[in-house]
């Protein structure tokens, strides 16, 4: 998605303390328990409910991104998806890229 031309906003729905510890570069933090979660996400999306929004949480066993998607759908957001695997998948892919780059001659 980052290499494509489609604009999107990446939202980390984990608590701020977890976001501060580790997050995907370029992500914005809107914890799932934020008062008026949908409005906070809209604010991060320049007020748009049609701009592509991608949510993520901790990993495959974490349901906060899916909960956030349901909340945004209820608030009439039309283009929301989940980065499956969350921060765990991101970090795993980052480790794999680093390992591959250090094995090159």
N, C-alpha and C. Protein backbone atom coordinates (compact mmCIF):
# COMPACT_ATOMS: atom_id res chain seq x y z
N UNK A 1 0.82 -1.20 0.00
CA UNK A 1 0.00 0.00 0.00
C UNK A 1 0.86 1.26 0.00
N UNK A 2 1.95 1.22 0.77
CA UNK A 2 2.79 2.41 0.85
C UNK A 2 3.44 2.74 -0.48
N UNK A 3 3.72 1.72 -1.28
CA UNK A 3 4.37 1.95 -2.56
C UNK A 3 3.38 2.36 -3.64
N UNK A 4 2.09 2.15 -3.40
CA UNK A 4 1.06 2.51 -4.36
C UNK A 4 0.74 3.99 -4.32
N UNK A 5 -0.20 4.37 -5.17
CA UNK A 5 -0.57 5.77 -5.25
C UNK A 5 -1.80 6.09 -4.41
N UNK A 6 -2.44 5.05 -3.87
CA UNK A 6 -3.63 5.26 -3.06
C UNK A 6 -3.24 5.83 -1.70
N UNK A 7 -3.80 6.96 -1.35
CA UNK A 7 -3.53 7.54 -0.05
C UNK A 7 -4.33 6.83 1.04
N UNK A 8 -3.76 6.72 2.21
CA UNK A 8 -4.46 6.11 3.33
C UNK A 8 -3.87 6.63 4.62
N UNK A 9 -4.63 6.45 5.70
CA UNK A 9 -4.15 6.79 7.02
C UNK A 9 -4.05 5.49 7.81
N UNK A 10 -2.92 5.29 8.47
CA UNK A 10 -2.65 4.09 9.25
C UNK A 10 -2.86 4.41 10.72
N UNK A 11 -3.77 3.67 11.36
CA UNK A 11 -4.14 3.95 12.75
C UNK A 11 -3.78 2.77 13.64
N UNK A 12 -2.97 3.04 14.65
CA UNK A 12 -2.64 2.08 15.70
C UNK A 12 -3.70 2.26 16.78
N UNK A 13 -4.48 1.21 17.08
CA UNK A 13 -5.59 1.33 18.03
C UNK A 13 -5.20 0.87 19.44
N UNK A 14 -3.93 0.64 19.66
CA UNK A 14 -3.46 0.19 20.97
C UNK A 14 -3.31 1.37 21.93
N UNK A 15 -3.22 1.09 23.23
CA UNK A 15 -3.02 2.18 24.20
C UNK A 15 -1.74 2.98 23.89
N UNK A 16 -1.75 4.24 24.27
CA UNK A 16 -0.62 5.14 23.97
C UNK A 16 0.71 4.60 24.48
N UNK A 17 0.71 3.98 25.65
CA UNK A 17 1.96 3.45 26.19
C UNK A 17 2.55 2.38 25.26
N UNK A 18 1.70 1.57 24.65
CA UNK A 18 2.19 0.57 23.70
C UNK A 18 2.64 1.23 22.40
N UNK A 19 1.89 2.22 21.94
CA UNK A 19 2.27 2.96 20.74
C UNK A 19 3.63 3.63 20.94
N UNK A 20 3.83 4.24 22.10
CA UNK A 20 5.10 4.91 22.38
C UNK A 20 6.27 3.92 22.41
N UNK A 21 6.00 2.69 22.81
CA UNK A 21 7.04 1.67 22.89
C UNK A 21 7.41 1.16 21.50
N UNK A 22 6.39 0.96 20.63
CA UNK A 22 6.65 0.39 19.31
C UNK A 22 5.44 0.62 18.42
N UNK A 23 5.67 1.09 17.21
CA UNK A 23 4.59 1.26 16.25
C UNK A 23 5.17 1.26 14.84
N UNK A 24 4.29 1.08 13.88
CA UNK A 24 4.70 1.11 12.48
C UNK A 24 4.97 2.57 12.10
N UNK A 25 6.11 2.83 11.46
CA UNK A 25 6.42 4.22 11.07
C UNK A 25 5.28 4.84 10.26
N UNK A 26 4.94 6.06 10.60
CA UNK A 26 3.88 6.78 9.91
C UNK A 26 2.50 6.57 10.50
N UNK A 27 2.39 5.63 11.44
CA UNK A 27 1.08 5.36 12.06
C UNK A 27 0.72 6.49 13.01
N UNK A 28 -0.59 6.66 13.16
CA UNK A 28 -1.13 7.61 14.13
C UNK A 28 -1.84 6.80 15.20
N UNK A 29 -1.78 7.27 16.41
CA UNK A 29 -2.37 6.52 17.52
C UNK A 29 -3.74 7.07 17.90
N UNK A 30 -4.74 6.18 17.83
CA UNK A 30 -6.07 6.47 18.34
C UNK A 30 -6.49 5.22 19.11
N UNK A 31 -6.22 5.17 20.41
CA UNK A 31 -6.59 4.00 21.20
C UNK A 31 -8.07 3.66 21.06
N UNK A 32 -8.37 2.38 21.02
CA UNK A 32 -9.73 1.90 20.83
C UNK A 32 -10.69 2.44 21.88
N UNK A 33 -10.19 2.72 23.08
CA UNK A 33 -11.07 3.20 24.14
C UNK A 33 -11.16 4.74 24.19
N UNK A 34 -10.69 5.41 23.14
CA UNK A 34 -10.78 6.87 23.05
C UNK A 34 -12.25 7.28 23.01
N UNK A 35 -12.58 8.29 23.81
CA UNK A 35 -13.94 8.83 23.77
C UNK A 35 -14.20 9.31 22.35
N UNK A 36 -15.31 8.93 21.78
CA UNK A 36 -15.70 9.23 20.41
C UNK A 36 -14.59 8.82 19.44
N UNK A 37 -14.29 7.53 19.47
CA UNK A 37 -13.26 6.91 18.63
C UNK A 37 -13.43 7.31 17.16
N UNK A 38 -14.65 7.23 16.65
CA UNK A 38 -14.89 7.53 15.23
C UNK A 38 -14.52 8.98 14.89
N UNK A 39 -14.86 9.92 15.76
CA UNK A 39 -14.51 11.32 15.50
C UNK A 39 -12.99 11.51 15.54
N UNK A 40 -12.32 10.84 16.48
CA UNK A 40 -10.86 10.94 16.57
C UNK A 40 -10.20 10.40 15.31
N UNK A 41 -10.72 9.29 14.78
CA UNK A 41 -10.18 8.74 13.53
C UNK A 41 -10.47 9.69 12.38
N UNK A 42 -11.67 10.24 12.32
CA UNK A 42 -12.01 11.20 11.26
C UNK A 42 -11.07 12.40 11.32
N UNK A 43 -10.74 12.86 12.52
CA UNK A 43 -9.81 13.99 12.66
C UNK A 43 -8.44 13.63 12.07
N UNK A 44 -8.00 12.40 12.27
CA UNK A 44 -6.71 11.96 11.72
C UNK A 44 -6.79 11.77 10.21
N UNK A 45 -8.01 11.63 9.69
CA UNK A 45 -8.24 11.42 8.25
C UNK A 45 -8.68 12.70 7.56
N UNK A 46 -8.28 13.83 8.10
CA UNK A 46 -8.64 15.14 7.55
C UNK A 46 -10.16 15.32 7.45
N UNK A 47 -10.88 14.74 8.43
CA UNK A 47 -12.32 14.90 8.48
C UNK A 47 -13.11 14.02 7.53
N UNK A 48 -12.42 13.16 6.80
CA UNK A 48 -13.08 12.35 5.78
C UNK A 48 -13.50 10.98 6.31
N UNK A 49 -14.70 10.56 5.94
CA UNK A 49 -15.16 9.21 6.25
C UNK A 49 -15.04 8.30 5.02
N UNK A 50 -14.53 8.84 3.92
CA UNK A 50 -14.35 8.04 2.71
C UNK A 50 -12.88 7.73 2.41
N UNK A 51 -11.97 8.43 3.05
CA UNK A 51 -10.54 8.16 2.85
C UNK A 51 -10.22 6.77 3.40
N UNK A 52 -9.30 6.07 2.75
CA UNK A 52 -8.92 4.73 3.20
C UNK A 52 -8.26 4.82 4.57
N UNK A 53 -8.76 4.01 5.49
CA UNK A 53 -8.25 3.92 6.85
C UNK A 53 -7.85 2.47 7.09
N UNK A 54 -6.63 2.27 7.58
CA UNK A 54 -6.14 0.94 7.91
C UNK A 54 -5.83 0.92 9.41
N UNK A 55 -6.48 0.00 10.12
CA UNK A 55 -6.27 -0.15 11.56
C UNK A 55 -5.39 -1.35 11.84
N UNK A 56 -4.63 -1.27 12.95
CA UNK A 56 -3.90 -2.46 13.39
C UNK A 56 -3.79 -2.49 14.90
N UNK A 57 -3.61 -3.71 15.39
CA UNK A 57 -3.43 -3.95 16.82
C UNK A 57 -2.14 -4.72 17.07
N UNK A 58 -2.17 -5.59 18.09
CA UNK A 58 -0.96 -6.32 18.49
C UNK A 58 -0.57 -7.44 17.53
N UNK A 59 -1.56 -8.24 17.12
CA UNK A 59 -1.26 -9.39 16.29
C UNK A 59 -2.50 -10.19 15.98
N UNK A 60 -2.31 -11.43 15.53
CA UNK A 60 -3.43 -12.25 15.06
C UNK A 60 -4.44 -12.57 16.16
N UNK A 61 -4.03 -12.63 17.40
CA UNK A 61 -4.95 -12.95 18.50
C UNK A 61 -5.51 -11.71 19.19
N UNK A 62 -5.33 -10.57 18.58
CA UNK A 62 -5.80 -9.29 19.14
C UNK A 62 -7.00 -8.83 18.31
N UNK A 63 -8.11 -8.55 18.98
CA UNK A 63 -9.33 -8.19 18.25
C UNK A 63 -9.62 -6.69 18.22
N UNK A 64 -8.72 -5.85 18.70
CA UNK A 64 -9.05 -4.43 18.80
C UNK A 64 -9.21 -3.77 17.43
N UNK A 65 -8.44 -4.17 16.44
CA UNK A 65 -8.61 -3.58 15.10
C UNK A 65 -9.96 -3.96 14.52
N UNK A 66 -10.36 -5.22 14.69
CA UNK A 66 -11.67 -5.66 14.20
C UNK A 66 -12.79 -4.90 14.91
N UNK A 67 -12.64 -4.69 16.21
CA UNK A 67 -13.63 -3.89 16.95
C UNK A 67 -13.69 -2.46 16.41
N UNK A 68 -12.54 -1.90 16.13
CA UNK A 68 -12.47 -0.55 15.58
C UNK A 68 -13.15 -0.46 14.22
N UNK A 69 -12.95 -1.46 13.39
CA UNK A 69 -13.60 -1.49 12.08
C UNK A 69 -15.11 -1.47 12.23
N UNK A 70 -15.63 -2.27 13.15
CA UNK A 70 -17.08 -2.30 13.39
C UNK A 70 -17.58 -0.93 13.87
N UNK A 71 -16.82 -0.31 14.76
CA UNK A 71 -17.21 1.01 15.27
C UNK A 71 -17.23 2.04 14.13
N UNK A 72 -16.23 2.00 13.26
CA UNK A 72 -16.17 2.96 12.16
C UNK A 72 -17.26 2.69 11.13
N UNK A 73 -17.57 1.43 10.89
CA UNK A 73 -18.66 1.10 9.96
C UNK A 73 -19.99 1.65 10.49
N UNK A 74 -20.19 1.52 11.79
CA UNK A 74 -21.41 2.07 12.42
C UNK A 74 -21.47 3.59 12.26
N UNK A 75 -20.29 4.23 12.23
CA UNK A 75 -20.21 5.69 12.09
C UNK A 75 -20.15 6.12 10.62
N UNK A 76 -20.47 5.18 9.71
CA UNK A 76 -20.57 5.48 8.27
C UNK A 76 -19.24 5.69 7.55
N UNK A 77 -18.14 5.17 8.09
CA UNK A 77 -16.89 5.15 7.33
C UNK A 77 -17.05 4.10 6.24
N UNK A 78 -16.55 4.39 5.04
CA UNK A 78 -16.81 3.51 3.91
C UNK A 78 -15.60 2.75 3.38
N UNK A 79 -14.40 3.02 3.89
CA UNK A 79 -13.20 2.42 3.31
C UNK A 79 -12.19 2.06 4.41
N UNK A 80 -12.56 1.09 5.22
CA UNK A 80 -11.75 0.72 6.39
C UNK A 80 -11.31 -0.73 6.26
N UNK A 81 -10.06 -1.00 6.60
CA UNK A 81 -9.55 -2.37 6.59
C UNK A 81 -8.57 -2.56 7.75
N UNK A 82 -8.13 -3.79 7.89
CA UNK A 82 -7.20 -4.15 8.97
C UNK A 82 -5.87 -4.59 8.39
N UNK A 83 -4.78 -4.14 8.99
CA UNK A 83 -3.46 -4.67 8.66
C UNK A 83 -3.34 -5.96 9.47
N UNK A 84 -3.58 -7.08 8.79
CA UNK A 84 -3.63 -8.36 9.48
C UNK A 84 -2.27 -8.72 10.06
N UNK A 85 -2.30 -9.19 11.26
CA UNK A 85 -1.07 -9.56 11.95
C UNK A 85 -0.54 -8.44 12.83
N UNK A 86 -1.01 -7.22 12.60
CA UNK A 86 -0.66 -6.09 13.45
C UNK A 86 0.82 -5.81 13.57
N UNK A 87 1.18 -5.21 14.69
CA UNK A 87 2.58 -4.82 14.92
C UNK A 87 3.50 -6.04 14.96
N UNK A 88 2.98 -7.19 15.39
CA UNK A 88 3.80 -8.41 15.42
C UNK A 88 4.22 -8.80 14.01
N UNK A 89 3.29 -8.76 13.06
CA UNK A 89 3.61 -9.11 11.67
C UNK A 89 4.58 -8.09 11.07
N UNK A 90 4.37 -6.82 11.38
CA UNK A 90 5.27 -5.78 10.89
C UNK A 90 6.69 -6.03 11.39
N UNK A 91 6.83 -6.29 12.68
CA UNK A 91 8.16 -6.52 13.24
C UNK A 91 8.80 -7.78 12.68
N UNK A 92 8.01 -8.81 12.44
CA UNK A 92 8.54 -10.04 11.84
C UNK A 92 9.05 -9.77 10.42
N UNK A 93 8.29 -9.02 9.65
CA UNK A 93 8.73 -8.71 8.28
C UNK A 93 9.97 -7.82 8.31
N UNK A 94 10.05 -6.93 9.30
CA UNK A 94 11.22 -6.06 9.45
C UNK A 94 12.46 -6.91 9.77
N UNK A 95 12.30 -7.89 10.68
CA UNK A 95 13.42 -8.79 11.01
C UNK A 95 13.85 -9.59 9.79
N UNK A 96 12.89 -10.06 9.01
CA UNK A 96 13.21 -10.84 7.80
C UNK A 96 13.97 -9.98 6.79
N UNK A 97 13.54 -8.73 6.61
CA UNK A 97 14.23 -7.83 5.69
C UNK A 97 15.65 -7.55 6.16
N UNK A 98 15.83 -7.36 7.46
CA UNK A 98 17.18 -7.11 8.00
C UNK A 98 18.07 -8.33 7.82
N UNK A 99 17.53 -9.50 8.10
CA UNK A 99 18.29 -10.74 7.93
C UNK A 99 18.71 -10.92 6.48
N UNK A 100 17.80 -10.67 5.56
CA UNK A 100 18.10 -10.82 4.13
C UNK A 100 19.16 -9.82 3.70
N UNK A 101 19.11 -8.61 4.22
CA UNK A 101 20.09 -7.60 3.81
C UNK A 101 21.48 -7.88 4.37
N UNK A 102 21.57 -8.55 5.50
CA UNK A 102 22.89 -8.86 6.06
C UNK A 102 23.51 -10.11 5.44
N UNK A 103 22.73 -10.89 4.72
CA UNK A 103 23.24 -12.10 4.06
C UNK A 103 23.74 -11.83 2.66
N UNK A 104 23.52 -10.64 2.15
CA UNK A 104 24.00 -10.32 0.80
C UNK A 104 25.50 -10.17 0.80
N UNK A 105 26.15 -10.63 -0.26
CA UNK A 105 27.63 -10.51 -0.33
C UNK A 105 28.10 -9.09 -0.51
